[in-house]
């Protein structure tokens, strides 16, 4: 790393260190303003839709995966 690159990196780190408190204030304000109950209702609706329209598959694919692993192990 050249001296110029080192200085640029130091400036970059210093800039983010100075920005961190303001960014944390924005994050905190966003969290306080969030409507958690609404978000939960939206998520619950999506989850219910998925259960009805995208039911679970009869297999997880784990058996097929293990079969592929066994073939790969036998080939090496």
PDB file of N, CA and C in Angstrom:
ATOM      1  N   UNK A   1       0.848  -1.168   0.000  1.00  0.00           N
ATOM      2  CA  UNK A   1       0.000   0.000   0.000  1.00  0.00           C
ATOM      3  C   UNK A   1       0.896   1.235   0.000  1.00  0.00           C
ATOM      4  N   UNK A   2       0.619   2.133  -0.917  1.00  0.00           N
ATOM      5  CA  UNK A   2       1.419   3.351  -1.004  1.00  0.00           C
ATOM      6  C   UNK A   2       1.017   4.314   0.110  1.00  0.00           C
ATOM      7  N   UNK A   3       1.829   5.321   0.306  1.00  0.00           N
ATOM      8  CA  UNK A   3       1.528   6.335   1.321  1.00  0.00           C
ATOM      9  C   UNK A   3       0.230   7.065   0.971  1.00  0.00           C
ATOM     10  N   UNK A   4       0.014   7.346  -0.308  1.00  0.00           N
ATOM     11  CA  UNK A   4      -1.217   8.026  -0.733  1.00  0.00           C
ATOM     12  C   UNK A   4      -2.443   7.155  -0.455  1.00  0.00           C
ATOM     13  N   UNK A   5      -2.315   5.868  -0.728  1.00  0.00           N
ATOM     14  CA  UNK A   5      -3.431   4.952  -0.450  1.00  0.00           C
ATOM     15  C   UNK A   5      -3.701   4.851   1.050  1.00  0.00           C
ATOM     16  N   UNK A   6      -2.641   4.825   1.825  1.00  0.00           N
ATOM     17  CA  UNK A   6      -2.775   4.762   3.279  1.00  0.00           C
ATOM     18  C   UNK A   6      -3.486   6.014   3.802  1.00  0.00           C
ATOM     19  N   UNK A   7      -3.107   7.180   3.267  1.00  0.00           N
ATOM     20  CA  UNK A   7      -3.735   8.443   3.692  1.00  0.00           C
ATOM     21  C   UNK A   7      -5.196   8.482   3.292  1.00  0.00           C
ATOM     22  N   UNK A   8      -5.483   8.020   2.086  1.00  0.00           N
ATOM     23  CA  UNK A   8      -6.868   7.982   1.617  1.00  0.00           C
ATOM     24  C   UNK A   8      -7.712   7.052   2.491  1.00  0.00           C
ATOM     25  N   UNK A   9      -7.156   5.922   2.847  1.00  0.00           N
ATOM     26  CA  UNK A   9      -7.862   4.982   3.724  1.00  0.00           C
ATOM     27  C   UNK A   9      -8.116   5.599   5.088  1.00  0.00           C
ATOM     28  N   UNK A  10      -7.112   6.290   5.618  1.00  0.00           N
ATOM     29  CA  UNK A  10      -7.270   6.951   6.922  1.00  0.00           C
ATOM     30  C   UNK A  10      -8.379   7.992   6.856  1.00  0.00           C
ATOM     31  N   UNK A  11      -8.408   8.789   5.783  1.00  0.00           N
ATOM     32  CA  UNK A  11      -9.459   9.802   5.627  1.00  0.00           C
ATOM     33  C   UNK A  11     -10.828   9.144   5.540  1.00  0.00           C
ATOM     34  N   UNK A  12     -10.901   8.011   4.821  1.00  0.00           N
ATOM     35  CA  UNK A  12     -12.155   7.289   4.672  1.00  0.00           C
ATOM     36  C   UNK A  12     -12.658   6.808   6.034  1.00  0.00           C
ATOM     37  N   UNK A  13     -11.750   6.225   6.839  1.00  0.00           N
ATOM     38  CA  UNK A  13     -12.114   5.742   8.172  1.00  0.00           C
ATOM     39  C   UNK A  13     -12.544   6.909   9.057  1.00  0.00           C
ATOM     40  N   UNK A  14     -11.802   8.000   9.017  1.00  0.00           N
ATOM     41  CA  UNK A  14     -12.152   9.178   9.828  1.00  0.00           C
ATOM     42  C   UNK A  14     -13.515   9.729   9.435  1.00  0.00           C
ATOM     43  N   UNK A  15     -13.797   9.775   8.140  1.00  0.00           N
ATOM     44  CA  UNK A  15     -15.089  10.289   7.659  1.00  0.00           C
ATOM     45  C   UNK A  15     -16.235   9.449   8.202  1.00  0.00           C
ATOM     46  N   UNK A  16     -16.102   8.124   8.123  1.00  0.00           N
ATOM     47  CA  UNK A  16     -17.158   7.250   8.630  1.00  0.00           C
ATOM     48  C   UNK A  16     -17.281   7.353  10.140  1.00  0.00           C
ATOM     49  N   UNK A  17     -16.167   7.524  10.833  1.00  0.00           N
ATOM     50  CA  UNK A  17     -16.210   7.671  12.292  1.00  0.00           C
ATOM     51  C   UNK A  17     -16.968   8.941  12.683  1.00  0.00           C
ATOM     52  N   UNK A  18     -16.775  10.008  11.915  1.00  0.00           N
ATOM     53  CA  UNK A  18     -17.496  11.256  12.193  1.00  0.00           C
ATOM     54  C   UNK A  18     -18.970  11.137  11.829  1.00  0.00           C
ATOM     55  N   UNK A  19     -19.282  10.377  10.789  1.00  0.00           N
ATOM     56  CA  UNK A  19     -20.666  10.231  10.338  1.00  0.00           C
ATOM     57  C   UNK A  19     -21.470   9.284  11.225  1.00  0.00           C
ATOM     58  N   UNK A  20     -20.800   8.386  11.925  1.00  0.00           N
ATOM     59  CA  UNK A  20     -21.476   7.340  12.691  1.00  0.00           C
ATOM     60  C   UNK A  20     -22.530   7.869  13.668  1.00  0.00           C
ATOM     61  N   UNK A  21     -22.247   8.902  14.476  1.00  0.00           N
ATOM     62  CA  UNK A  21     -23.278   9.382  15.411  1.00  0.00           C
ATOM     63  C   UNK A  21     -24.535   9.898  14.695  1.00  0.00           C
ATOM     64  N   UNK A  22     -24.360  10.602  13.592  1.00  0.00           N
ATOM     65  CA  UNK A  22     -25.523  11.106  12.853  1.00  0.00           C
ATOM     66  C   UNK A  22     -26.299   9.957  12.222  1.00  0.00           C
ATOM     67  N   UNK A  23     -25.586   8.994  11.677  1.00  0.00           N
ATOM     68  CA  UNK A  23     -26.251   7.835  11.093  1.00  0.00           C
ATOM     69  C   UNK A  23     -27.019   7.058  12.158  1.00  0.00           C
ATOM     70  N   UNK A  24     -26.467   6.970  13.360  1.00  0.00           N
ATOM     71  CA  UNK A  24     -27.155   6.291  14.457  1.00  0.00           C
ATOM     72  C   UNK A  24     -28.423   7.038  14.843  1.00  0.00           C
ATOM     73  N   UNK A  25     -28.388   8.372  14.824  1.00  0.00           N
ATOM     74  CA  UNK A  25     -29.591   9.163  15.116  1.00  0.00           C
ATOM     75  C   UNK A  25     -30.681   8.885  14.093  1.00  0.00           C
ATOM     76  N   UNK A  26     -30.299   8.811  12.828  1.00  0.00           N
ATOM     77  CA  UNK A  26     -31.269   8.517  11.772  1.00  0.00           C
ATOM     78  C   UNK A  26     -31.854   7.126  11.982  1.00  0.00           C
ATOM     79  N   UNK A  27     -30.998   6.167  12.280  1.00  0.00           N
ATOM     80  CA  UNK A  27     -31.456   4.793  12.510  1.00  0.00           C
ATOM     81  C   UNK A  27     -32.419   4.742  13.690  1.00  0.00           C
ATOM     82  N   UNK A  28     -32.056   5.405  14.786  1.00  0.00           N
ATOM     83  CA  UNK A  28     -32.915   5.423  15.967  1.00  0.00           C
ATOM     84  C   UNK A  28     -34.273   6.050  15.654  1.00  0.00           C
ATOM     85  N   UNK A  29     -34.271   7.136  14.893  1.00  0.00           N
ATOM     86  CA  UNK A  29     -35.531   7.797  14.529  1.00  0.00           C
ATOM     87  C   UNK A  29     -36.383   6.879  13.653  1.00  0.00           C
ATOM     88  N   UNK A  30     -35.758   6.181  12.722  1.00  0.00           N
ATOM     89  CA  UNK A  30     -36.490   5.242  11.872  1.00  0.00           C
ATOM     90  C   UNK A  30     -37.136   4.138  12.704  1.00  0.00           C
ATOM     91  N   UNK A  31     -36.394   3.631  13.680  1.00  0.00           N
ATOM     92  CA  UNK A  31     -36.930   2.569  14.535  1.00  0.00           C
ATOM     93  C   UNK A  31     -38.103   3.086  15.359  1.00  0.00           C
ATOM     94  N   UNK A  32     -37.964   4.286  15.925  1.00  0.00           N
ATOM     95  CA  UNK A  32     -39.050   4.847  16.725  1.00  0.00           C
ATOM     96  C   UNK A  32     -40.290   5.111  15.877  1.00  0.00           C
ATOM     97  N   UNK A  33     -40.102   5.478  14.623  1.00  0.00           N
ATOM     98  CA  UNK A  33     -41.230   5.815  13.749  1.00  0.00           C
ATOM     99  C   UNK A  33     -41.880   4.583  13.121  1.00  0.00           C
ATOM    100  N   UNK A  34     -41.238   3.439  13.237  1.00  0.00           N
ATOM    101  CA  UNK A  34     -41.759   2.233  12.591  1.00  0.00           C
ATOM    102  C   UNK A  34     -43.080   1.806  13.219  1.00  0.00           C
ATOM    103  N   UNK A  35     -43.988   1.363  12.367  1.00  0.00           N
ATOM    104  CA  UNK A  35     -45.272   0.830  12.825  1.00  0.00           C
ATOM    105  C   UNK A  35     -45.142  -0.692  12.867  1.00  0.00           C
ATOM    106  N   UNK A  36     -44.679  -1.192  14.007  1.00  0.00           N
ATOM    107  CA  UNK A  36     -44.399  -2.619  14.144  1.00  0.00           C
ATOM    108  C   UNK A  36     -45.659  -3.455  13.977  1.00  0.00           C
ATOM    109  N   UNK A  37     -46.770  -3.012  14.527  1.00  0.00           N
ATOM    110  CA  UNK A  37     -48.016  -3.775  14.408  1.00  0.00           C
ATOM    111  C   UNK A  37     -48.423  -3.912  12.944  1.00  0.00           C
ATOM    112  N   UNK A  38     -48.312  -2.833  12.179  1.00  0.00           N
ATOM    113  CA  UNK A  38     -48.651  -2.888  10.754  1.00  0.00           C
ATOM    114  C   UNK A  38     -47.721  -3.847  10.022  1.00  0.00           C
ATOM    115  N   UNK A  39     -46.435  -3.767  10.315  1.00  0.00           N
ATOM    116  CA  UNK A  39     -45.462  -4.648   9.666  1.00  0.00           C
ATOM    117  C   UNK A  39     -45.771  -6.108   9.975  1.00  0.00           C
ATOM    118  N   UNK A  40     -46.163  -6.398  11.202  1.00  0.00           N
ATOM    119  CA  UNK A  40     -46.505  -7.767  11.577  1.00  0.00           C
ATOM    120  C   UNK A  40     -47.754  -8.241  10.835  1.00  0.00           C
ATOM    121  N   UNK A  41     -48.739  -7.359  10.687  1.00  0.00           N
ATOM    122  CA  UNK A  41     -49.952  -7.733   9.938  1.00  0.00           C
ATOM    123  C   UNK A  41     -49.613  -8.032   8.487  1.00  0.00           C
ATOM    124  N   UNK A  42     -48.763  -7.199   7.886  1.00  0.00           N
ATOM    125  CA  UNK A  42     -48.368  -7.420   6.501  1.00  0.00           C
ATOM    126  C   UNK A  42     -47.607  -8.734   6.353  1.00  0.00           C
ATOM    127  N   UNK A  43     -46.705  -8.998   7.271  1.00  0.00           N
ATOM    128  CA  UNK A  43     -45.937 -10.231   7.204  1.00  0.00           C
ATOM    129  C   UNK A  43     -46.840 -11.440   7.403  1.00  0.00           C
ATOM    130  N   UNK A  44     -47.758 -11.341   8.353  1.00  0.00           N
ATOM    131  CA  UNK A  44     -48.657 -12.464   8.614  1.00  0.00           C
ATOM    132  C   UNK A  44     -49.502 -12.754   7.382  1.00  0.00           C
ATOM    133  N   UNK A  45     -49.958 -11.711   6.706  1.00  0.00           N
ATOM    134  CA  UNK A  45     -50.742 -11.904   5.492  1.00  0.00           C
ATOM    135  C   UNK A  45     -49.926 -12.591   4.415  1.00  0.00           C
ATOM    136  N   UNK A  46     -48.684 -12.199   4.263  1.00  0.00           N
ATOM    137  CA  UNK A  46     -47.803 -12.826   3.272  1.00  0.00           C
ATOM    138  C   UNK A  46     -47.555 -14.286   3.622  1.00  0.00           C
ATOM    139  N   UNK A  47     -47.332 -14.553   4.889  1.00  0.00           N
ATOM    140  CA  UNK A  47     -47.074 -15.925   5.322  1.00  0.00           C
ATOM    141  C   UNK A  47     -48.305 -16.794   5.098  1.00  0.00           C
ATOM    142  N   UNK A  48     -49.482 -16.263   5.412  1.00  0.00           N
ATOM    143  CA  UNK A  48     -50.717 -17.030   5.184  1.00  0.00           C
ATOM    144  C   UNK A  48     -50.919 -17.298   3.707  1.00  0.00           C
ATOM    145  N   UNK A  49     -50.650 -16.308   2.854  1.00  0.00           N
ATOM    146  CA  UNK A  49     -50.789 -16.496   1.412  1.00  0.00           C
ATOM    147  C   UNK A  49     -49.863 -17.606   0.944  1.00  0.00           C
ATOM    148  N   UNK A  50     -48.630 -17.598   1.426  1.00  0.00           N
ATOM    149  CA  UNK A  50     -47.648 -18.597   1.011  1.00  0.00           C
ATOM    150  C   UNK A  50     -48.085 -19.999   1.426  1.00  0.00           C
ATOM    151  N   UNK A  51     -48.651 -20.136   2.607  1.00  0.00           N
ATOM    152  CA  UNK A  51     -49.105 -21.452   3.069  1.00  0.00           C
ATOM    153  C   UNK A  51     -50.203 -21.981   2.154  1.00  0.00           C
ATOM    154  N   UNK A  52     -51.113 -21.112   1.735  1.00  0.00           N
ATOM    155  CA  UNK A  52     -52.216 -21.534   0.877  1.00  0.00           C
ATOM    156  C   UNK A  52     -51.749 -21.772  -0.557  1.00  0.00           C
ATOM    157  N   UNK A  53     -50.959 -20.851  -1.097  1.00  0.00           N
ATOM    158  CA  UNK A  53     -50.603 -20.899  -2.517  1.00  0.00           C
ATOM    159  C   UNK A  53     -49.298 -21.617  -2.819  1.00  0.00           C
ATOM    160  N   UNK A  54     -48.451 -21.783  -1.854  1.00  0.00           N
ATOM    161  CA  UNK A  54     -47.166 -22.457  -2.050  1.00  0.00           C
ATOM    162  C   UNK A  54     -46.953 -23.481  -0.934  1.00  0.00           C
ATOM    163  N   UNK A  55     -47.729 -24.559  -0.949  1.00  0.00           N
ATOM    164  CA  UNK A  55     -47.588 -25.542   0.138  1.00  0.00           C
ATOM    165  C   UNK A  55     -46.205 -26.189   0.119  1.00  0.00           C
ATOM    166  N   UNK A  56     -45.837 -26.736   1.241  1.00  0.00           N
ATOM    167  CA  UNK A  56     -44.524 -27.370   1.373  1.00  0.00           C
ATOM    168  C   UNK A  56     -44.414 -28.543   0.410  1.00  0.00           C
ATOM    169  N   UNK A  57     -43.209 -28.735  -0.084  1.00  0.00           N
ATOM    170  CA  UNK A  57     -42.947 -29.869  -0.968  1.00  0.00           C
ATOM    171  C   UNK A  57     -42.907 -31.151  -0.142  1.00  0.00           C
ATOM    172  N   UNK A  58     -43.174 -32.296  -0.773  1.00  0.00           N
ATOM    173  CA  UNK A  58     -43.159 -33.542  -0.018  1.00  0.00           C
ATOM    174  C   UNK A  58     -41.760 -33.948   0.450  1.00  0.00           C
ATOM    175  N   UNK A  59     -40.734 -33.334  -0.123  1.00  0.00           N
ATOM    176  CA  UNK A  59     -39.369 -33.643   0.284  1.00  0.00           C
ATOM    177  C   UNK A  59     -38.567 -32.352   0.393  1.00  0.00           C
ATOM    178  N   UNK A  60     -37.587 -32.367   1.268  1.00  0.00           N
ATOM    179  CA  UNK A  60     -36.747 -31.182   1.441  1.00  0.00           C
ATOM    180  C   UNK A  60     -35.618 -31.130   0.434  1.00  0.00           C
ATOM    181  N   UNK A  61     -35.378 -32.263  -0.239  1.00  0.00           N
ATOM    182  CA  UNK A  61     -34.258 -32.330  -1.155  1.00  0.00           C
ATOM    183  C   UNK A  61     -32.997 -32.876  -0.509  1.00  0.00           C
ATOM    184  N   UNK A  62     -33.068 -33.128   0.798  1.00  0.00           N
ATOM    185  CA  UNK A  62     -31.888 -33.602   1.517  1.00  0.00           C
ATOM    186  C   UNK A  62     -31.444 -34.976   1.014  1.00  0.00           C
ATOM    187  N   UNK A  63     -32.390 -35.857   0.741  1.00  0.00           N
ATOM    188  CA  UNK A  63     -32.027 -37.195   0.261  1.00  0.00           C
ATOM    189  C   UNK A  63     -31.330 -37.084  -1.093  1.00  0.00           C
ATOM    190  N   UNK A  64     -31.881 -36.260  -1.979  1.00  0.00           N
ATOM    191  CA  UNK A  64     -31.254 -36.064  -3.291  1.00  0.00           C
ATOM    192  C   UNK A  64     -29.857 -35.460  -3.143  1.00  0.00           C
ATOM    193  N   UNK A  65     -29.717 -34.532  -2.240  1.00  0.00           N
ATOM    194  CA  UNK A  65     -28.410 -33.913  -2.004  1.00  0.00           C
ATOM    195  C   UNK A  65     -27.405 -34.962  -1.526  1.00  0.00           C
ATOM    196  N   UNK A  66     -27.807 -35.790  -0.595  1.00  0.00           N
ATOM    197  CA  UNK A  66     -26.912 -36.825  -0.088  1.00  0.00           C
ATOM    198  C   UNK A  66     -26.537 -37.807  -1.208  1.00  0.00           C
ATOM    199  N   UNK A  67     -27.487 -38.094  -2.107  1.00  0.00           N
ATOM    200  CA  UNK A  67     -27.203 -38.973  -3.242  1.00  0.00           C
ATOM    201  C   UNK A  67     -26.113 -38.364  -4.126  1.00  0.00           C
ATOM    202  N   UNK A  68     -26.221 -37.051  -4.389  1.00  0.00           N
ATOM    203  CA  UNK A  68     -25.194 -36.371  -5.197  1.00  0.00           C
ATOM    204  C   UNK A  68     -23.841 -36.383  -4.493  1.00  0.00           C
ATOM    205  N   UNK A  69     -23.844 -36.143  -3.187  1.00  0.00           N
ATOM    206  CA  UNK A  69     -22.586 -36.166  -2.442  1.00  0.00           C
ATOM    207  C   UNK A  69     -21.934 -37.549  -2.518  1.00  0.00           C
ATOM    208  N   UNK A  70     -22.743 -38.602  -2.426  1.00  0.00           N
ATOM    209  CA  UNK A  70     -22.203 -39.961  -2.501  1.00  0.00           C
ATOM    210  C   UNK A  70     -21.594 -40.221  -3.867  1.00  0.00           C
ATOM    211  N   UNK A  71     -22.250 -39.746  -4.950  1.00  0.00           N
ATOM    212  CA  UNK A  71     -21.706 -39.914  -6.297  1.00  0.00           C
ATOM    213  C   UNK A  71     -20.378 -39.165  -6.438  1.00  0.00           C
ATOM    214  N   UNK A  72     -20.314 -37.959  -5.924  1.00  0.00           N
ATOM    215  CA  UNK A  72     -19.086 -37.162  -5.998  1.00  0.00           C
ATOM    216  C   UNK A  72     -17.956 -37.832  -5.213  1.00  0.00           C
ATOM    217  N   UNK A  73     -18.291 -38.358  -4.039  1.00  0.00           N
ATOM    218  CA  UNK A  73     -17.275 -39.008  -3.223  1.00  0.00           C
ATOM    219  C   UNK A  73     -16.744 -40.269  -3.917  1.00  0.00           C
ATOM    220  N   UNK A  74     -17.653 -41.007  -4.573  1.00  0.00           N
ATOM    221  CA  UNK A  74     -17.242 -42.237  -5.267  1.00  0.00           C
ATOM    222  C   UNK A  74     -16.378 -41.924  -6.483  1.00  0.00           C
ATOM    223  N   UNK A  75     -16.614 -40.771  -7.108  1.00  0.00           N
ATOM    224  CA  UNK A  75     -15.874 -40.401  -8.319  1.00  0.00           C
ATOM    225  C   UNK A  75     -14.465 -39.902  -8.000  1.00  0.00           C
ATOM    226  N   UNK A  76     -14.211 -39.515  -6.762  1.00  0.00           N
ATOM    227  CA  UNK A  76     -12.879 -38.970  -6.471  1.00  0.00           C
ATOM    228  C   UNK A  76     -11.974 -39.957  -5.812  1.00  0.00           C
TER     229      UNK A  76
END
